N, C-alpha and C. Protein backbone atom coordinates (compact mmCIF):
# COMPACT_ATOMS: atom_id res chain seq x y z
N MET A 1 0.64 -1.14 0.03
CA MET A 1 -0.01 0.13 -0.23
C MET A 1 0.88 1.32 0.00
N ILE A 2 1.76 1.30 0.84
CA ILE A 2 2.61 2.39 0.93
C ILE A 2 3.56 2.58 -0.51
N GLN A 3 3.80 1.46 -1.41
CA GLN A 3 4.39 1.48 -2.47
C GLN A 3 3.42 2.16 -3.51
N ASN A 4 2.15 2.05 -3.71
CA ASN A 4 1.29 2.43 -4.31
C ASN A 4 1.18 3.82 -4.21
N ARG A 5 1.19 4.23 -2.97
CA ARG A 5 1.09 5.89 -2.65
C ARG A 5 2.65 6.37 -3.29
N ILE A 6 3.52 5.86 -3.10
CA ILE A 6 4.64 6.54 -3.29
C ILE A 6 4.78 6.43 -5.04
N ILE A 7 4.33 5.59 -5.77
CA ILE A 7 3.99 5.45 -7.11
C ILE A 7 3.00 6.49 -7.64
N TYR A 8 1.92 6.60 -6.87
CA TYR A 8 1.11 7.71 -7.58
C TYR A 8 1.59 9.08 -7.23
N ILE A 9 2.46 9.18 -6.19
CA ILE A 9 2.98 10.69 -5.87
C ILE A 9 3.89 10.90 -7.04
N PHE A 10 4.81 9.80 -7.20
CA PHE A 10 6.01 9.91 -8.18
C PHE A 10 5.21 10.59 -9.54
N PHE A 11 4.08 9.83 -9.76
CA PHE A 11 3.39 10.14 -11.16
C PHE A 11 3.06 11.44 -11.26
N LEU A 12 2.36 11.80 -10.12
CA LEU A 12 1.61 13.10 -9.94
C LEU A 12 2.80 14.31 -10.09
N VAL A 13 4.16 14.07 -9.34
CA VAL A 13 5.08 14.96 -9.78
C VAL A 13 5.41 15.21 -11.27
N LEU A 14 5.59 13.78 -11.89
CA LEU A 14 6.01 14.00 -13.19
C LEU A 14 4.92 14.56 -14.06
N ILE A 15 3.75 14.44 -14.00
CA ILE A 15 2.73 15.27 -14.62
C ILE A 15 2.68 16.78 -14.20
N ILE A 16 2.99 17.04 -13.33
CA ILE A 16 3.02 18.64 -12.61
C ILE A 16 4.27 19.21 -13.08
N GLN A 17 5.36 18.36 -13.23
CA GLN A 17 6.53 19.02 -14.07
C GLN A 17 6.66 19.31 -15.53
N SER A 18 5.67 18.13 -15.88
CA SER A 18 5.45 18.42 -17.36
C SER A 18 4.71 19.28 -17.90
N CYS A 19 3.68 19.48 -17.23
CA CYS A 19 2.90 20.83 -17.25
C CYS A 19 3.57 22.26 -17.51
N SER A 20 4.12 22.32 -16.44
CA SER A 20 5.05 23.24 -16.07
C SER A 20 6.33 23.71 -16.92
N ASN A 21 6.86 22.61 -17.49
CA ASN A 21 7.98 22.94 -18.62
C ASN A 21 7.25 23.15 -19.82
N ARG A 22 5.83 22.66 -20.38
CA ARG A 22 5.04 23.06 -21.40
C ARG A 22 4.90 24.33 -21.41
N ASN A 23 4.48 24.83 -20.27
CA ASN A 23 3.86 26.23 -20.19
C ASN A 23 5.20 27.33 -20.57
N CYS A 24 6.52 26.70 -19.81
CA CYS A 24 7.55 27.42 -19.94
C CYS A 24 8.11 27.65 -21.45
N ASN A 25 7.97 26.56 -22.01
CA ASN A 25 8.41 26.47 -23.43
C ASN A 25 7.53 27.57 -24.40
N LYS A 26 6.11 27.34 -24.20
CA LYS A 26 5.31 28.35 -24.79
C LYS A 26 5.67 29.85 -24.48
N SER A 27 5.82 30.11 -23.21
CA SER A 27 6.29 31.31 -22.97
C SER A 27 7.42 31.88 -23.95
N ASN A 28 8.48 30.96 -23.91
CA ASN A 28 9.67 31.32 -24.56
C ASN A 28 9.26 31.32 -26.09
N LEU A 29 8.52 30.59 -26.74
CA LEU A 29 8.09 30.75 -28.19
C LEU A 29 7.51 32.17 -28.40
N ASN A 30 6.48 32.61 -27.36
CA ASN A 30 6.07 33.62 -27.66
C ASN A 30 6.82 34.89 -27.70
N THR A 31 8.03 34.94 -26.97
CA THR A 31 8.99 36.04 -26.89
C THR A 31 9.69 36.23 -28.08
N GLN A 32 9.84 35.06 -28.66
CA GLN A 32 10.72 35.13 -30.15
C GLN A 32 9.85 35.64 -31.28
N LYS A 33 10.62 36.35 -32.41
CA LYS A 33 10.03 36.77 -33.54
C LYS A 33 9.36 35.91 -34.35
N SER A 34 7.97 35.58 -34.84
CA SER A 34 8.01 34.76 -35.93
C SER A 34 8.05 35.40 -37.19
N ASP A 35 8.62 34.58 -37.92
CA ASP A 35 9.02 35.15 -39.54
C ASP A 35 8.28 34.28 -40.37
N VAL A 36 6.89 34.30 -40.30
CA VAL A 36 6.00 33.81 -41.24
C VAL A 36 6.26 34.02 -42.68
N TYR A 37 6.38 35.16 -43.06
CA TYR A 37 6.73 35.43 -44.49
C TYR A 37 8.09 35.25 -45.09
N ARG A 38 8.99 34.78 -43.91
CA ARG A 38 10.35 34.70 -44.30
C ARG A 38 11.01 36.11 -45.06
N LEU A 39 10.73 37.06 -44.12
CA LEU A 39 11.20 38.49 -44.87
C LEU A 39 12.40 38.92 -44.11
N ILE A 40 12.74 38.56 -42.69
CA ILE A 40 13.98 38.98 -41.98
C ILE A 40 15.20 38.68 -42.75
N GLY A 41 16.12 39.39 -43.11
CA GLY A 41 17.44 39.18 -43.93
C GLY A 41 17.23 39.60 -45.41
N LYS A 42 15.95 39.42 -45.79
CA LYS A 42 15.90 39.57 -47.29
C LYS A 42 16.27 41.09 -47.77
N GLN A 43 16.78 41.28 -48.83
CA GLN A 43 17.05 42.66 -49.47
C GLN A 43 16.17 43.30 -50.05
N VAL A 44 15.83 44.44 -49.79
CA VAL A 44 14.75 45.26 -50.84
C VAL A 44 15.38 46.10 -51.62
N LYS A 45 15.93 46.03 -52.81
CA LYS A 45 16.48 46.81 -53.51
C LYS A 45 15.61 47.81 -54.77
N SER A 46 14.34 47.50 -54.57
CA SER A 46 13.61 48.28 -55.46
C SER A 46 13.19 49.64 -54.76
N ILE A 47 13.26 49.68 -53.34
CA ILE A 47 12.99 50.81 -52.80
C ILE A 47 13.81 51.95 -53.29
N ASP A 48 15.09 51.87 -53.63
CA ASP A 48 15.87 52.72 -54.11
C ASP A 48 15.36 53.53 -55.39
N SER A 49 14.54 52.69 -56.26
CA SER A 49 13.80 53.43 -57.51
C SER A 49 12.71 54.23 -57.17
N ILE A 50 12.32 54.23 -55.95
CA ILE A 50 10.86 54.67 -55.63
C ILE A 50 11.21 55.82 -54.57
N VAL A 51 12.06 55.43 -53.59
CA VAL A 51 12.41 56.65 -52.45
C VAL A 51 13.87 57.06 -53.13
N ALA A 52 14.07 58.21 -53.50
CA ALA A 52 15.43 58.80 -53.77
C ALA A 52 15.71 60.06 -52.94
N ASN A 53 16.83 59.88 -52.45
CA ASN A 53 17.52 61.32 -51.78
C ASN A 53 16.67 61.62 -50.57
N ARG A 54 16.55 60.31 -49.68
CA ARG A 54 15.97 60.46 -48.66
C ARG A 54 16.61 59.58 -47.63
N THR A 55 16.57 59.98 -46.47
CA THR A 55 16.90 59.23 -45.19
C THR A 55 16.01 58.53 -44.38
N TYR A 56 16.07 57.17 -44.61
CA TYR A 56 15.10 56.32 -43.85
C TYR A 56 15.80 54.98 -43.39
N ARG A 57 15.07 54.56 -42.40
CA ARG A 57 15.09 52.87 -42.16
C ARG A 57 13.94 52.22 -41.82
N THR A 58 12.59 52.89 -41.82
CA THR A 58 11.38 52.25 -41.68
C THR A 58 10.72 52.75 -42.72
N VAL A 59 10.02 51.62 -43.29
CA VAL A 59 9.03 51.91 -44.46
C VAL A 59 7.60 51.46 -44.00
N PHE A 60 6.77 52.22 -44.28
CA PHE A 60 5.24 51.62 -44.05
C PHE A 60 4.87 51.57 -45.60
N LEU A 61 4.39 50.16 -45.94
CA LEU A 61 4.15 49.84 -47.29
C LEU A 61 2.37 49.67 -47.10
N PHE A 62 1.55 50.33 -47.92
CA PHE A 62 0.25 50.27 -47.93
C PHE A 62 -0.17 50.17 -49.36
N ASN A 63 -1.59 49.61 -49.45
CA ASN A 63 -1.98 49.34 -50.67
C ASN A 63 -3.43 50.04 -51.00
N TYR A 64 -3.81 50.52 -51.93
CA TYR A 64 -5.13 51.37 -52.00
C TYR A 64 -6.34 50.50 -51.46
N TYR A 65 -6.10 49.01 -51.89
CA TYR A 65 -7.46 48.39 -51.73
C TYR A 65 -7.36 47.67 -50.31
N ASP A 66 -6.56 48.12 -49.40
CA ASP A 66 -6.27 47.38 -48.30
C ASP A 66 -7.38 48.04 -47.23
N CYS A 67 -7.81 47.11 -46.20
CA CYS A 67 -9.17 47.74 -45.43
C CYS A 67 -8.75 49.15 -44.72
N SER A 68 -9.48 49.91 -44.74
CA SER A 68 -9.31 51.43 -44.13
C SER A 68 -8.57 51.42 -42.61
N SER A 69 -9.40 50.44 -41.87
CA SER A 69 -8.85 50.41 -40.52
C SER A 69 -7.43 50.07 -40.44
N CYS A 70 -7.05 49.14 -41.23
CA CYS A 70 -5.53 48.50 -41.23
C CYS A 70 -4.79 49.54 -41.56
N VAL A 71 -5.19 50.23 -42.86
CA VAL A 71 -4.12 51.30 -43.03
C VAL A 71 -4.01 52.46 -42.07
N ASP A 72 -5.21 52.89 -41.36
CA ASP A 72 -5.35 53.97 -40.51
C ASP A 72 -4.23 53.44 -39.18
N SER A 73 -4.39 52.10 -38.71
CA SER A 73 -3.15 51.56 -37.61
C SER A 73 -1.98 51.69 -37.99
N GLY A 74 -1.72 51.32 -39.29
CA GLY A 74 0.01 51.73 -40.04
C GLY A 74 0.10 53.24 -39.96
N PHE A 75 -0.62 54.30 -40.14
CA PHE A 75 -0.61 55.50 -40.15
C PHE A 75 -0.23 55.90 -38.63
N SER A 76 -0.95 55.34 -37.49
CA SER A 76 -0.84 55.44 -36.23
C SER A 76 0.39 55.19 -35.66
N ILE A 77 0.84 53.81 -36.01
CA ILE A 77 2.07 53.38 -35.67
C ILE A 77 3.30 54.22 -36.34
N SER A 78 3.02 54.60 -37.63
CA SER A 78 4.21 55.18 -38.28
C SER A 78 4.34 56.45 -37.39
N LYS A 79 3.15 57.30 -36.98
CA LYS A 79 3.14 58.57 -36.31
C LYS A 79 3.94 58.30 -34.92
N LYS A 80 3.41 57.20 -34.20
CA LYS A 80 4.39 57.03 -33.12
C LYS A 80 6.01 56.93 -33.17
N ILE A 81 6.41 56.17 -34.37
CA ILE A 81 7.57 55.86 -34.57
C ILE A 81 8.53 57.03 -34.70
N ASN A 82 7.91 58.07 -35.38
CA ASN A 82 8.07 59.51 -36.12
C ASN A 82 8.17 60.26 -34.84
N LEU A 83 7.41 59.91 -33.65
CA LEU A 83 7.44 60.88 -32.46
C LEU A 83 8.61 60.62 -31.34
N CYS A 84 9.27 59.26 -31.73
CA CYS A 84 10.37 58.92 -31.02
C CYS A 84 11.43 59.95 -31.39
N GLY A 85 11.54 60.44 -32.60
CA GLY A 85 12.36 61.20 -32.66
C GLY A 85 13.80 60.63 -33.56
N LYS A 86 13.83 59.29 -33.42
CA LYS A 86 15.10 58.65 -33.88
C LYS A 86 14.78 58.01 -35.25
N ASN A 87 14.01 58.26 -35.73
CA ASN A 87 13.60 57.57 -37.14
C ASN A 87 12.35 58.20 -37.89
N ASN A 88 12.68 58.00 -39.35
CA ASN A 88 11.71 58.83 -40.26
C ASN A 88 11.13 57.45 -40.91
N VAL A 89 9.95 57.75 -40.89
CA VAL A 89 9.35 56.47 -41.68
C VAL A 89 8.92 56.83 -43.01
N VAL A 90 9.36 56.37 -43.97
CA VAL A 90 9.06 56.61 -45.48
C VAL A 90 7.59 55.91 -45.68
N ILE A 91 6.49 56.58 -46.16
CA ILE A 91 5.35 55.86 -46.42
C ILE A 91 5.03 55.77 -47.96
N ILE A 92 4.86 54.49 -48.43
CA ILE A 92 4.82 54.16 -49.69
C ILE A 92 3.33 53.40 -50.00
N SER A 93 2.68 53.78 -51.05
CA SER A 93 1.69 53.31 -51.38
C SER A 93 1.76 52.64 -52.97
N THR A 94 0.95 51.70 -52.95
CA THR A 94 0.93 50.74 -54.22
C THR A 94 -0.50 50.79 -54.58
N MET A 95 -0.46 50.71 -55.97
CA MET A 95 -1.99 50.67 -56.56
C MET A 95 -2.67 51.62 -56.27
N GLY A 96 -3.34 52.71 -56.77
CA GLY A 96 -4.45 53.70 -56.21
C GLY A 96 -3.65 54.82 -55.65
N ASN A 97 -4.59 55.84 -55.65
CA ASN A 97 -4.46 57.24 -54.95
C ASN A 97 -4.60 57.24 -53.72
N PRO A 98 -3.43 57.59 -52.88
CA PRO A 98 -3.35 57.45 -51.40
C PRO A 98 -3.98 58.85 -50.70
N MET A 99 -4.70 59.59 -51.41
CA MET A 99 -5.13 60.86 -51.16
C MET A 99 -6.24 60.81 -50.00
N SER A 100 -7.05 59.83 -50.09
CA SER A 100 -8.16 59.64 -49.12
C SER A 100 -7.64 59.15 -47.81
N SER A 101 -6.68 58.29 -48.01
CA SER A 101 -6.12 57.62 -46.56
C SER A 101 -5.00 58.66 -45.98
N GLN A 102 -4.57 59.81 -46.70
CA GLN A 102 -3.77 60.94 -46.38
C GLN A 102 -4.68 61.94 -45.41
N GLN A 103 -5.64 62.08 -46.07
CA GLN A 103 -6.56 63.07 -45.64
C GLN A 103 -7.15 62.69 -44.35
N ARG A 104 -7.71 61.45 -44.23
CA ARG A 104 -8.46 60.61 -43.24
C ARG A 104 -7.19 60.44 -41.82
N ASN A 105 -6.18 60.42 -42.00
CA ASN A 105 -5.20 60.30 -41.20
C ASN A 105 -4.45 61.44 -40.79
N GLU A 106 -4.95 62.41 -41.56
CA GLU A 106 -4.21 63.78 -41.16
C GLU A 106 -2.69 63.85 -41.30
N TYR A 107 -1.98 63.06 -42.36
CA TYR A 107 -0.64 62.85 -42.41
C TYR A 107 -0.59 63.85 -43.86
N TYR A 108 0.41 64.75 -43.29
CA TYR A 108 0.76 65.94 -44.31
C TYR A 108 2.26 65.97 -45.05
N ASP A 109 2.81 64.78 -44.61
CA ASP A 109 4.27 64.65 -45.37
C ASP A 109 3.89 63.91 -46.69
N TYR A 110 5.03 63.59 -47.32
CA TYR A 110 5.10 62.99 -48.83
C TYR A 110 4.45 61.65 -48.73
N ILE A 111 3.80 61.12 -49.62
CA ILE A 111 3.57 59.66 -49.49
C ILE A 111 4.21 59.33 -51.01
N TYR A 112 5.18 58.28 -51.14
CA TYR A 112 5.87 57.73 -52.19
C TYR A 112 4.88 56.74 -52.76
N ILE A 113 4.70 56.79 -54.18
CA ILE A 113 3.79 55.87 -55.10
C ILE A 113 4.68 54.74 -55.72
N ASP A 114 4.47 53.42 -55.60
CA ASP A 114 4.95 52.30 -56.13
C ASP A 114 3.96 51.77 -57.17
N SER A 115 3.93 52.89 -58.36
CA SER A 115 2.63 52.29 -59.11
C SER A 115 2.99 50.96 -59.85
N GLU A 116 4.10 50.40 -59.88
CA GLU A 116 4.24 49.01 -60.70
C GLU A 116 4.57 47.91 -59.82
N ASP A 117 4.16 48.34 -58.08
CA ASP A 117 4.26 47.39 -57.36
C ASP A 117 5.60 46.48 -56.93
N LEU A 118 6.44 47.42 -57.35
CA LEU A 118 7.85 46.74 -57.24
C LEU A 118 8.03 45.87 -56.18
N ILE A 119 8.07 46.67 -55.01
CA ILE A 119 8.36 46.18 -53.45
C ILE A 119 7.69 44.86 -53.43
N ARG A 120 6.31 44.85 -53.53
CA ARG A 120 5.59 43.40 -53.41
C ARG A 120 6.16 42.48 -54.31
N LYS A 121 6.77 42.83 -55.79
CA LYS A 121 6.77 41.66 -56.39
C LYS A 121 8.16 40.97 -55.82
N GLU A 122 9.31 42.12 -55.67
CA GLU A 122 10.69 41.47 -54.97
C GLU A 122 10.34 40.71 -53.83
N LEU A 123 9.39 41.07 -52.77
CA LEU A 123 9.16 40.32 -51.72
C LEU A 123 8.10 39.01 -51.86
N LYS A 124 7.73 38.81 -53.26
CA LYS A 124 6.92 37.57 -53.33
C LYS A 124 5.52 38.19 -53.08
N TYR A 125 5.07 39.15 -52.96
CA TYR A 125 3.84 39.54 -52.99
C TYR A 125 3.32 39.51 -51.45
N ILE A 126 4.15 40.22 -50.54
CA ILE A 126 3.82 40.23 -49.21
C ILE A 126 2.30 40.87 -48.75
N PRO A 127 1.75 40.45 -47.66
CA PRO A 127 0.62 40.94 -47.45
C PRO A 127 0.72 42.58 -47.06
N THR A 128 -0.05 43.33 -47.32
CA THR A 128 -0.03 44.88 -46.80
C THR A 128 -1.26 44.94 -45.96
N PRO A 129 -1.20 46.08 -45.07
CA PRO A 129 -0.24 47.02 -44.75
C PRO A 129 0.78 46.28 -43.98
N ILE A 130 2.26 46.59 -44.18
CA ILE A 130 3.39 46.18 -43.44
C ILE A 130 4.09 47.34 -43.27
N ILE A 131 4.93 47.33 -41.89
CA ILE A 131 5.92 48.14 -41.51
C ILE A 131 7.23 47.55 -41.51
N LEU A 132 8.30 47.73 -42.33
CA LEU A 132 9.50 47.38 -42.31
C LEU A 132 10.63 48.19 -41.80
N SER A 133 11.59 47.36 -41.12
CA SER A 133 12.81 48.02 -40.36
C SER A 133 13.98 47.69 -41.15
N LEU A 134 14.66 48.58 -41.74
CA LEU A 134 15.55 48.05 -42.52
C LEU A 134 17.00 48.49 -42.21
N ASP A 135 18.03 47.82 -42.53
CA ASP A 135 19.36 48.31 -42.37
C ASP A 135 20.14 49.29 -43.17
N SER A 136 21.32 49.47 -43.20
CA SER A 136 21.74 50.44 -44.20
C SER A 136 21.89 50.03 -45.65
N THR A 137 21.98 48.56 -45.69
CA THR A 137 22.10 47.76 -46.95
C THR A 137 20.75 47.39 -47.47
N ARG A 138 19.50 48.11 -47.03
CA ARG A 138 18.16 47.49 -47.36
C ARG A 138 17.98 46.21 -46.81
N ASN A 139 18.50 45.63 -45.83
CA ASN A 139 18.14 44.07 -45.60
C ASN A 139 16.91 44.29 -44.47
N ILE A 140 16.17 43.63 -44.40
CA ILE A 140 14.85 43.77 -43.41
C ILE A 140 15.23 43.02 -42.03
N LEU A 141 15.47 43.84 -41.23
CA LEU A 141 15.74 43.53 -39.63
C LEU A 141 14.40 43.06 -38.91
N ASP A 142 13.33 43.50 -39.33
CA ASP A 142 12.07 43.12 -38.59
C ASP A 142 10.91 44.02 -39.34
N TYR A 143 9.61 43.46 -39.04
CA TYR A 143 8.57 43.99 -39.34
C TYR A 143 7.41 43.58 -38.95
N ILE A 144 6.27 44.36 -38.92
CA ILE A 144 5.02 44.05 -38.50
C ILE A 144 3.92 44.29 -39.29
N LEU A 145 2.88 43.64 -38.98
CA LEU A 145 1.58 43.74 -39.87
C LEU A 145 0.63 44.72 -39.01
N PRO A 146 0.36 45.95 -39.44
CA PRO A 146 -0.55 46.87 -38.30
C PRO A 146 -2.16 46.16 -38.45
N ASN A 147 -2.51 45.27 -39.20
CA ASN A 147 -3.80 44.77 -38.90
C ASN A 147 -3.70 43.36 -38.02
N VAL A 148 -2.58 42.96 -38.15
CA VAL A 148 -2.46 41.48 -37.50
C VAL A 148 -1.70 41.50 -36.00
N SER A 149 -0.48 42.50 -35.93
CA SER A 149 0.37 42.33 -34.70
C SER A 149 -0.44 43.09 -33.40
N ASP A 150 -0.16 42.45 -32.17
CA ASP A 150 -0.81 43.08 -31.09
C ASP A 150 -0.30 44.16 -30.43
N SER A 151 -0.65 44.93 -29.46
CA SER A 151 0.13 46.21 -29.00
C SER A 151 1.41 45.97 -28.43
N ASN A 152 1.56 44.52 -27.92
CA ASN A 152 2.97 44.19 -27.30
C ASN A 152 3.89 43.94 -28.45
N GLU A 153 3.37 43.45 -29.40
CA GLU A 153 4.45 43.22 -30.72
C GLU A 153 4.64 44.67 -31.36
N ILE A 154 3.85 45.33 -31.36
CA ILE A 154 3.85 46.79 -31.86
C ILE A 154 4.98 47.61 -30.98
N ASP A 155 4.90 47.32 -29.80
CA ASP A 155 5.67 48.19 -28.55
C ASP A 155 7.00 47.79 -28.88
N LEU A 156 7.17 46.61 -28.86
CA LEU A 156 8.74 45.72 -29.18
C LEU A 156 9.30 46.36 -30.45
N PHE A 157 8.40 46.32 -31.51
CA PHE A 157 8.89 46.76 -32.81
C PHE A 157 9.47 48.18 -32.58
N ILE A 158 8.69 48.88 -32.18
CA ILE A 158 9.17 50.41 -31.97
C ILE A 158 10.26 50.35 -31.30
N LYS A 159 10.57 49.90 -29.82
CA LYS A 159 11.78 49.72 -29.22
C LYS A 159 12.93 49.40 -29.87
N HIS A 160 12.59 48.21 -30.67
CA HIS A 160 13.59 47.50 -31.53
C HIS A 160 14.29 48.48 -32.33
N ILE A 161 13.35 49.38 -33.25
CA ILE A 161 14.01 50.05 -34.16
C ILE A 161 14.54 51.52 -33.43
N SER A 162 14.10 51.77 -32.21
CA SER A 162 14.62 52.95 -31.86
C SER A 162 16.08 52.70 -31.06
N ASN A 163 16.17 51.61 -30.56
CA ASN A 163 17.43 51.17 -29.96
C ASN A 163 18.59 50.25 -30.92
N ASN A 164 18.04 50.03 -31.69
CA ASN A 164 18.92 48.63 -32.52
C ASN A 164 20.01 49.69 -33.30
N PRO A 165 21.56 49.42 -32.77
CA PRO A 165 22.65 50.22 -33.31
C PRO A 165 22.97 49.80 -34.71
N LEU A 166 22.38 48.56 -35.22
CA LEU A 166 22.81 47.94 -36.56
C LEU A 166 22.02 48.81 -37.38
N ALA A 167 20.82 49.29 -37.05
CA ALA A 167 19.85 49.86 -38.15
C ALA A 167 20.14 51.12 -38.46
N GLU A 168 21.54 51.16 -39.03
CA GLU A 168 22.15 52.59 -39.43
C GLU A 168 20.97 53.24 -40.34
N LEU A 169 21.31 54.53 -40.99
CA LEU A 169 20.49 55.24 -41.79
C LEU A 169 20.89 55.03 -43.08
N ILE A 170 19.93 54.76 -44.02
CA ILE A 170 20.04 54.72 -45.35
C ILE A 170 20.00 56.21 -45.93
N HIS A 171 21.14 56.28 -46.83
CA HIS A 171 21.30 57.48 -47.64
C HIS A 171 20.85 57.23 -48.83
């Protein structure tokens, strides 16, 4: 009888330990960036043909046909990044006139037009809207999808681009 109790206690301890390890592994996975679209590390050469003579390291790319609340979220995040003062976000619109989005979001800076959809073609038609963090050689360091990313992910993205010494300015 005592042996049965010891065996039950042993199995109970194993089950509890297994559950705690599983929760620990889940929390570790949640803190790592998921690169679902395999963009991190890819070089975006086509940006140079759209944005000339401008210093930037963050790009907000949206499409005229994206949902308006998704685009509005991207503009809001871009404004937060610009308020940090360490980064200038270049906004690029593909397909269509961005004027309605620009007016709705009270954004008064220039919006570049990628009328031939070069950036999305180069990146295998990534979903938009998307905000890309780039290094000096135009390699993607990080990205968020304004319509998908949660507030913690957005805050980490902004903190990352504000503090990353490798993210030199592109000239």
